[in-house]
C-alpha atoms as a PDB file:
ATOM      1  CA  UNK A   1     -46.457-144.172   6.584  1.00  0.00           C
ATOM      2  CA  UNK A   2     -48.824-147.131   6.068  1.00  0.00           C
ATOM      3  CA  UNK A   3     -49.936-147.620   2.507  1.00  0.00           C
ATOM      4  CA  UNK A   4     -53.073-149.043   0.957  1.00  0.00           C
ATOM      5  CA  UNK A   5     -54.020-150.263  -2.475  1.00  0.00           C
ATOM      6  CA  UNK A   6     -56.927-148.807  -4.349  1.00  0.00           C
ATOM      7  CA  UNK A   7     -60.260-150.654  -3.944  1.00  0.00           C
ATOM      8  CA  UNK A   8     -59.909-152.049  -7.477  1.00  0.00           C
ATOM      9  CA  UNK A   9     -56.685-153.840  -6.575  1.00  0.00           C
ATOM     10  CA  UNK A  10     -57.009-157.576  -5.954  1.00  0.00           C
ATOM     11  CA  UNK A  11     -54.890-160.387  -4.534  1.00  0.00           C
ATOM     12  CA  UNK A  12     -52.884-162.574  -6.854  1.00  0.00           C
ATOM     13  CA  UNK A  13     -54.815-165.769  -6.096  1.00  0.00           C
ATOM     14  CA  UNK A  14     -57.873-167.178  -4.395  1.00  0.00           C
ATOM     15  CA  UNK A  15     -58.393-166.661  -0.667  1.00  0.00           C
ATOM     16  CA  UNK A  16     -59.388-169.851   1.174  1.00  0.00           C
ATOM     17  CA  UNK A  17     -60.179-168.277   4.542  1.00  0.00           C
ATOM     18  CA  UNK A  18     -60.894-164.837   5.964  1.00  0.00           C
ATOM     19  CA  UNK A  19     -60.265-163.870   9.583  1.00  0.00           C
ATOM     20  CA  UNK A  20     -62.261-160.978  11.012  1.00  0.00           C
ATOM     21  CA  UNK A  21     -61.767-159.075  14.262  1.00  0.00           C
ATOM     22  CA  UNK A  22     -64.014-156.524  15.946  1.00  0.00           C
ATOM     23  CA  UNK A  23     -64.700-155.086  19.369  1.00  0.00           C
ATOM     24  CA  UNK A  24     -66.817-152.085  20.393  1.00  0.00           C
ATOM     25  CA  UNK A  25     -69.489-151.580  17.732  1.00  0.00           C
ATOM     26  CA  UNK A  26     -68.516-154.855  16.086  1.00  0.00           C
ATOM     27  CA  UNK A  27     -71.905-156.556  16.099  1.00  0.00           C
ATOM     28  CA  UNK A  28     -73.460-153.633  14.234  1.00  0.00           C
ATOM     29  CA  UNK A  29     -70.574-153.558  11.748  1.00  0.00           C
ATOM     30  CA  UNK A  30     -70.815-157.287  11.125  1.00  0.00           C
ATOM     31  CA  UNK A  31     -74.584-156.950  10.689  1.00  0.00           C
ATOM     32  CA  UNK A  32     -73.921-154.694   7.718  1.00  0.00           C
ATOM     33  CA  UNK A  33     -71.142-156.852   6.260  1.00  0.00           C
ATOM     34  CA  UNK A  34     -71.857-160.558   6.748  1.00  0.00           C
ATOM     35  CA  UNK A  35     -75.437-160.681   5.348  1.00  0.00           C
ATOM     36  CA  UNK A  36     -74.148-159.331   2.020  1.00  0.00           C
ATOM     37  CA  UNK A  37     -72.172-162.511   1.316  1.00  0.00           C
ATOM     38  CA  UNK A  38     -73.898-164.901  -1.118  1.00  0.00           C
ATOM     39  CA  UNK A  39     -74.645-168.569  -0.454  1.00  0.00           C
ATOM     40  CA  UNK A  40     -71.950-169.610  -2.948  1.00  0.00           C
ATOM     41  CA  UNK A  41     -69.215-167.621  -1.164  1.00  0.00           C
ATOM     42  CA  UNK A  42     -66.277-170.024  -0.963  1.00  0.00           C
ATOM     43  CA  UNK A  43     -63.861-168.854   1.745  1.00  0.00           C
ATOM     44  CA  UNK A  44     -64.424-169.874   5.349  1.00  0.00           C
ATOM     45  CA  UNK A  45     -64.880-166.949   7.733  1.00  0.00           C
ATOM     46  CA  UNK A  46     -63.442-167.059  11.263  1.00  0.00           C
ATOM     47  CA  UNK A  47     -64.615-164.208  13.475  1.00  0.00           C
ATOM     48  CA  UNK A  48     -63.501-162.919  16.857  1.00  0.00           C
ATOM     49  CA  UNK A  49     -65.707-160.375  18.609  1.00  0.00           C
ATOM     50  CA  UNK A  50     -64.701-159.206  22.066  1.00  0.00           C
ATOM     51  CA  UNK A  51     -67.493-160.472  24.328  1.00  0.00           C
ATOM     52  CA  UNK A  52     -68.085-160.692  28.087  1.00  0.00           C
ATOM     53  CA  UNK A  53     -66.251-163.826  29.199  1.00  0.00           C
ATOM     54  CA  UNK A  54     -68.894-164.797  31.785  1.00  0.00           C
ATOM     55  CA  UNK A  55     -71.971-164.890  29.520  1.00  0.00           C
ATOM     56  CA  UNK A  56     -73.069-167.125  26.641  1.00  0.00           C
ATOM     57  CA  UNK A  57     -72.624-165.713  23.167  1.00  0.00           C
ATOM     58  CA  UNK A  58     -75.750-164.956  21.157  1.00  0.00           C
ATOM     59  CA  UNK A  59     -73.868-164.342  17.910  1.00  0.00           C
ATOM     60  CA  UNK A  60     -75.009-167.555  16.228  1.00  0.00           C
ATOM     61  CA  UNK A  61     -78.633-166.774  17.121  1.00  0.00           C
ATOM     62  CA  UNK A  62     -78.258-163.210  15.839  1.00  0.00           C
ATOM     63  CA  UNK A  63     -76.537-163.997  12.543  1.00  0.00           C
ATOM     64  CA  UNK A  64     -77.978-167.361  11.463  1.00  0.00           C
ATOM     65  CA  UNK A  65     -81.295-165.860  10.270  1.00  0.00           C
ATOM     66  CA  UNK A  66     -79.520-163.005   8.495  1.00  0.00           C
ATOM     67  CA  UNK A  67     -76.757-164.836   6.631  1.00  0.00           C
ATOM     68  CA  UNK A  68     -76.865-167.065   3.560  1.00  0.00           C
ATOM     69  CA  UNK A  69     -73.848-168.974   4.891  1.00  0.00           C
ATOM     70  CA  UNK A  70     -74.034-171.652   7.611  1.00  0.00           C
ATOM     71  CA  UNK A  71     -73.187-170.067  10.988  1.00  0.00           C
ATOM     72  CA  UNK A  72     -71.564-171.946  13.889  1.00  0.00           C
ATOM     73  CA  UNK A  73     -69.895-171.318  17.201  1.00  0.00           C
ATOM     74  CA  UNK A  74     -66.365-172.672  16.782  1.00  0.00           C
ATOM     75  CA  UNK A  75     -65.574-176.005  18.411  1.00  0.00           C
ATOM     76  CA  UNK A  76     -62.246-177.536  19.369  1.00  0.00           C
ATOM     77  CA  UNK A  77     -60.761-179.882  16.726  1.00  0.00           C
ATOM     78  CA  UNK A  78     -63.528-178.954  14.283  1.00  0.00           C
ATOM     79  CA  UNK A  79     -62.590-179.149  10.597  1.00  0.00           C
ATOM     80  CA  UNK A  80     -62.876-175.837   8.769  1.00  0.00           C
ATOM     81  CA  UNK A  81     -65.379-176.078   5.932  1.00  0.00           C
ATOM     82  CA  UNK A  82     -65.486-173.734   2.926  1.00  0.00           C
ATOM     83  CA  UNK A  83     -68.312-171.234   2.819  1.00  0.00           C
ATOM     84  CA  UNK A  84     -68.965-171.478   6.551  1.00  0.00           C
ATOM     85  CA  UNK A  85     -68.939-168.777   9.221  1.00  0.00           C
ATOM     86  CA  UNK A  86     -67.425-169.558  12.637  1.00  0.00           C
ATOM     87  CA  UNK A  87     -67.617-167.310  15.711  1.00  0.00           C
ATOM     88  CA  UNK A  88     -65.153-167.660  18.576  1.00  0.00           C
ATOM     89  CA  UNK A  89     -66.911-168.736  21.804  1.00  0.00           C
ATOM     90  CA  UNK A  90     -66.659-166.595  24.934  1.00  0.00           C
ATOM     91  CA  UNK A  91     -63.606-167.027  27.179  1.00  0.00           C
ATOM     92  CA  UNK A  92     -61.611-169.146  24.686  1.00  0.00           C
ATOM     93  CA  UNK A  93     -58.943-168.093  22.248  1.00  0.00           C
ATOM     94  CA  UNK A  94     -59.746-169.327  18.734  1.00  0.00           C
ATOM     95  CA  UNK A  95     -56.807-170.637  16.706  1.00  0.00           C
ATOM     96  CA  UNK A  96     -56.279-172.318  13.356  1.00  0.00           C
ATOM     97  CA  UNK A  97     -54.417-175.614  13.374  1.00  0.00           C
ATOM     98  CA  UNK A  98     -53.772-178.282  10.754  1.00  0.00           C
ATOM     99  CA  UNK A  99     -54.536-181.972  11.088  1.00  0.00           C
ATOM    100  CA  UNK A 100     -54.390-184.886   8.655  1.00  0.00           C
ATOM    101  CA  UNK A 101     -57.562-183.660   6.943  1.00  0.00           C
ATOM    102  CA  UNK A 102     -56.527-180.015   6.541  1.00  0.00           C
ATOM    103  CA  UNK A 103     -57.102-176.782   8.469  1.00  0.00           C
ATOM    104  CA  UNK A 104     -59.033-177.144  11.711  1.00  0.00           C
ATOM    105  CA  UNK A 105     -60.094-175.051  14.688  1.00  0.00           C
ATOM    106  CA  UNK A 106     -58.558-175.137  18.141  1.00  0.00           C
ATOM    107  CA  UNK A 107     -59.684-173.530  21.394  1.00  0.00           C
ATOM    108  CA  UNK A 108     -57.298-172.390  24.111  1.00  0.00           C
ATOM    109  CA  UNK A 109     -57.530-171.144  27.692  1.00  0.00           C
ATOM    110  CA  UNK A 110     -54.170-169.372  27.516  1.00  0.00           C
ATOM    111  CA  UNK A 111     -53.940-165.993  29.233  1.00  0.00           C
ATOM    112  CA  UNK A 112     -55.923-163.068  27.771  1.00  0.00           C
ATOM    113  CA  UNK A 113     -54.177-160.886  25.186  1.00  0.00           C
ATOM    114  CA  UNK A 114     -54.971-157.167  25.290  1.00  0.00           C
ATOM    115  CA  UNK A 115     -57.256-158.100  28.204  1.00  0.00           C
ATOM    116  CA  UNK A 116     -59.316-160.232  25.807  1.00  0.00           C
ATOM    117  CA  UNK A 117     -60.028-163.929  25.426  1.00  0.00           C
ATOM    118  CA  UNK A 118     -60.769-164.565  22.607  1.00  0.00           C
ATOM    119  CA  UNK A 119     -58.110-162.251  21.204  1.00  0.00           C
ATOM    120  CA  UNK A 120     -57.934-161.161  17.598  1.00  0.00           C
ATOM    121  CA  UNK A 121     -54.129-161.320  17.435  1.00  0.00           C
ATOM    122  CA  UNK A 122     -54.158-164.993  18.462  1.00  0.00           C
ATOM    123  CA  UNK A 123     -56.557-165.957  15.663  1.00  0.00           C
ATOM    124  CA  UNK A 124     -54.840-163.880  12.989  1.00  0.00           C
ATOM    125  CA  UNK A 125     -51.321-165.095  13.784  1.00  0.00           C
ATOM    126  CA  UNK A 126     -52.279-168.767  13.896  1.00  0.00           C
ATOM    127  CA  UNK A 127     -54.310-168.494  10.686  1.00  0.00           C
ATOM    128  CA  UNK A 128     -51.390-166.799   8.925  1.00  0.00           C
ATOM    129  CA  UNK A 129     -49.160-169.744   9.865  1.00  0.00           C
ATOM    130  CA  UNK A 130     -51.586-172.233   8.300  1.00  0.00           C
ATOM    131  CA  UNK A 131     -53.033-170.391   5.286  1.00  0.00           C
ATOM    132  CA  UNK A 132     -50.156-168.105   4.283  1.00  0.00           C
ATOM    133  CA  UNK A 133     -50.936-166.229   1.071  1.00  0.00           C
ATOM    134  CA  UNK A 134     -54.424-167.767   0.840  1.00  0.00           C
ATOM    135  CA  UNK A 135     -55.678-165.778   3.846  1.00  0.00           C
ATOM    136  CA  UNK A 136     -57.571-162.513   4.090  1.00  0.00           C
ATOM    137  CA  UNK A 137     -57.581-160.463   7.292  1.00  0.00           C
ATOM    138  CA  UNK A 138     -60.156-157.811   8.209  1.00  0.00           C
ATOM    139  CA  UNK A 139     -60.072-155.494  11.216  1.00  0.00           C
ATOM    140  CA  UNK A 140     -63.167-153.492  12.096  1.00  0.00           C
ATOM    141  CA  UNK A 141     -64.268-151.079  14.798  1.00  0.00           C
ATOM    142  CA  UNK A 142     -62.876-151.468  18.311  1.00  0.00           C
ATOM    143  CA  UNK A 143     -61.546-149.645  21.351  1.00  0.00           C
ATOM    144  CA  UNK A 144     -58.102-151.238  21.839  1.00  0.00           C
ATOM    145  CA  UNK A 145     -55.079-152.321  19.794  1.00  0.00           C
ATOM    146  CA  UNK A 146     -55.915-156.034  19.531  1.00  0.00           C
ATOM    147  CA  UNK A 147     -55.511-157.251  15.956  1.00  0.00           C
ATOM    148  CA  UNK A 148     -52.915-154.714  14.812  1.00  0.00           C
ATOM    149  CA  UNK A 149     -49.974-157.111  15.136  1.00  0.00           C
ATOM    150  CA  UNK A 150     -52.033-160.043  13.912  1.00  0.00           C
ATOM    151  CA  UNK A 151     -52.938-158.175  10.744  1.00  0.00           C
ATOM    152  CA  UNK A 152     -49.265-157.545  10.086  1.00  0.00           C
ATOM    153  CA  UNK A 153     -48.634-161.284  10.534  1.00  0.00           C
ATOM    154  CA  UNK A 154     -51.238-161.938   7.823  1.00  0.00           C
ATOM    155  CA  UNK A 155     -49.486-159.522   5.497  1.00  0.00           C
ATOM    156  CA  UNK A 156     -46.006-160.921   6.204  1.00  0.00           C
ATOM    157  CA  UNK A 157     -47.317-164.395   5.321  1.00  0.00           C
ATOM    158  CA  UNK A 158     -48.427-163.088   1.932  1.00  0.00           C
ATOM    159  CA  UNK A 159     -52.105-162.664   2.786  1.00  0.00           C
ATOM    160  CA  UNK A 160     -54.250-159.657   1.952  1.00  0.00           C
ATOM    161  CA  UNK A 161     -55.431-157.166   4.584  1.00  0.00           C
ATOM    162  CA  UNK A 162     -58.389-154.818   4.991  1.00  0.00           C
ATOM    163  CA  UNK A 163     -59.069-152.222   7.696  1.00  0.00           C
ATOM    164  CA  UNK A 164     -62.234-150.234   8.271  1.00  0.00           C
ATOM    165  CA  UNK A 165     -61.736-146.530   7.628  1.00  0.00           C
ATOM    166  CA  UNK A 166     -61.248-145.190  11.172  1.00  0.00           C
ATOM    167  CA  UNK A 167     -63.502-142.184  10.668  1.00  0.00           C
ATOM    168  CA  UNK A 168     -66.411-144.511   9.838  1.00  0.00           C
ATOM    169  CA  UNK A 169     -65.921-146.813  12.853  1.00  0.00           C
ATOM    170  CA  UNK A 170     -67.943-146.476  16.033  1.00  0.00           C
ATOM    171  CA  UNK A 171     -64.651-146.901  17.925  1.00  0.00           C
ATOM    172  CA  UNK A 172     -61.647-145.790  15.866  1.00  0.00           C
ATOM    173  CA  UNK A 173     -58.863-147.010  18.197  1.00  0.00           C
ATOM    174  CA  UNK A 174     -58.582-150.508  16.713  1.00  0.00           C
ATOM    175  CA  UNK A 175     -58.457-149.565  13.018  1.00  0.00           C
ATOM    176  CA  UNK A 176     -56.162-146.634  13.794  1.00  0.00           C
ATOM    177  CA  UNK A 177     -53.773-148.942  15.689  1.00  0.00           C
ATOM    178  CA  UNK A 178     -53.751-151.309  12.711  1.00  0.00           C
ATOM    179  CA  UNK A 179     -52.775-148.497  10.341  1.00  0.00           C
ATOM    180  CA  UNK A 180     -50.067-147.312  12.731  1.00  0.00           C
ATOM    181  CA  UNK A 181     -48.575-150.828  12.955  1.00  0.00           C
ATOM    182  CA  UNK A 182     -47.634-151.043   9.275  1.00  0.00           C
ATOM    183  CA  UNK A 183     -48.896-151.167   5.681  1.00  0.00           C
ATOM    184  CA  UNK A 184     -52.274-152.669   4.819  1.00  0.00           C
ATOM    185  CA  UNK A 185     -53.791-153.424   1.431  1.00  0.00           C
ATOM    186  CA  UNK A 186     -57.217-151.781   1.775  1.00  0.00           C
ATOM    187  CA  UNK A 187     -58.709-149.073   3.994  1.00  0.00           C
ATOM    188  CA  UNK A 188     -62.427-148.890   3.271  1.00  0.00           C
ATOM    189  CA  UNK A 189     -65.792-148.022   4.808  1.00  0.00           C
ATOM    190  CA  UNK A 190     -68.109-150.963   5.447  1.00  0.00           C
ATOM    191  CA  UNK A 191     -70.265-150.375   2.392  1.00  0.00           C
ATOM    192  CA  UNK A 192     -67.281-150.878   0.039  1.00  0.00           C
ATOM    193  CA  UNK A 193     -66.069-154.101   1.673  1.00  0.00           C
ATOM    194  CA  UNK A 194     -68.483-156.694   0.180  1.00  0.00           C
ATOM    195  CA  UNK A 195     -67.161-156.268  -3.378  1.00  0.00           C
ATOM    196  CA  UNK A 196     -63.594-156.786  -2.151  1.00  0.00           C
ATOM    197  CA  UNK A 197     -64.555-159.886  -0.153  1.00  0.00           C
ATOM    198  CA  UNK A 198     -66.299-161.388  -3.157  1.00  0.00           C
ATOM    199  CA  UNK A 199     -63.189-160.688  -5.226  1.00  0.00           C
ATOM    200  CA  UNK A 200     -61.056-162.526  -2.671  1.00  0.00           C
ATOM    201  CA  UNK A 201     -63.273-165.563  -3.071  1.00  0.00           C
ATOM    202  CA  UNK A 202     -63.222-165.383  -6.862  1.00  0.00           C
ATOM    203  CA  UNK A 203     -59.467-165.383  -7.397  1.00  0.00           C
ATOM    204  CA  UNK A 204     -59.211-161.611  -7.550  1.00  0.00           C
ATOM    205  CA  UNK A 205     -61.870-160.803 -10.160  1.00  0.00           C
ATOM    206  CA  UNK A 206     -64.239-157.987  -9.165  1.00  0.00           C
END
């Protein structure tokens, strides 16, 4: 059976980046989570939301006025800055790469994964390769299994993982698939997540 740590448990060291995945109900879930983060929040946040591939994303317009952090649509070859929120653009996979200056973003037109482009698994697996133990992974509400394997990749790399309690999600399929795939560190409702995220950014001190 998958296991989880208690909410008071913390990672051994500071988290430099957090990857977040959501699908059905994700915009509402993120609207409750992201505005709680303070302006001095240090980790970068990289977010994939399943969106229609044939329409522009409005996520930057929606979240910029609500968040204390700078909010951007991710661009290819863009350096990842601390304390900055990046949303994957429609119809591109978002990946983490590393160049001479450090971690950077990459966009890909590779085939959809779980019928989705951007796909959560693609972001999580690439970020785990680059950040290793200094990565946090969060999987929220959604109606398919995208992200379950990616979250396990984060954990295998030494990162810390968090899944929304399925019973509190608008669509429970995605968090339930994540719990079925293997152990995770935290299973929490949205309202308990901000304290854990702040702990990740503060070297584990709640």
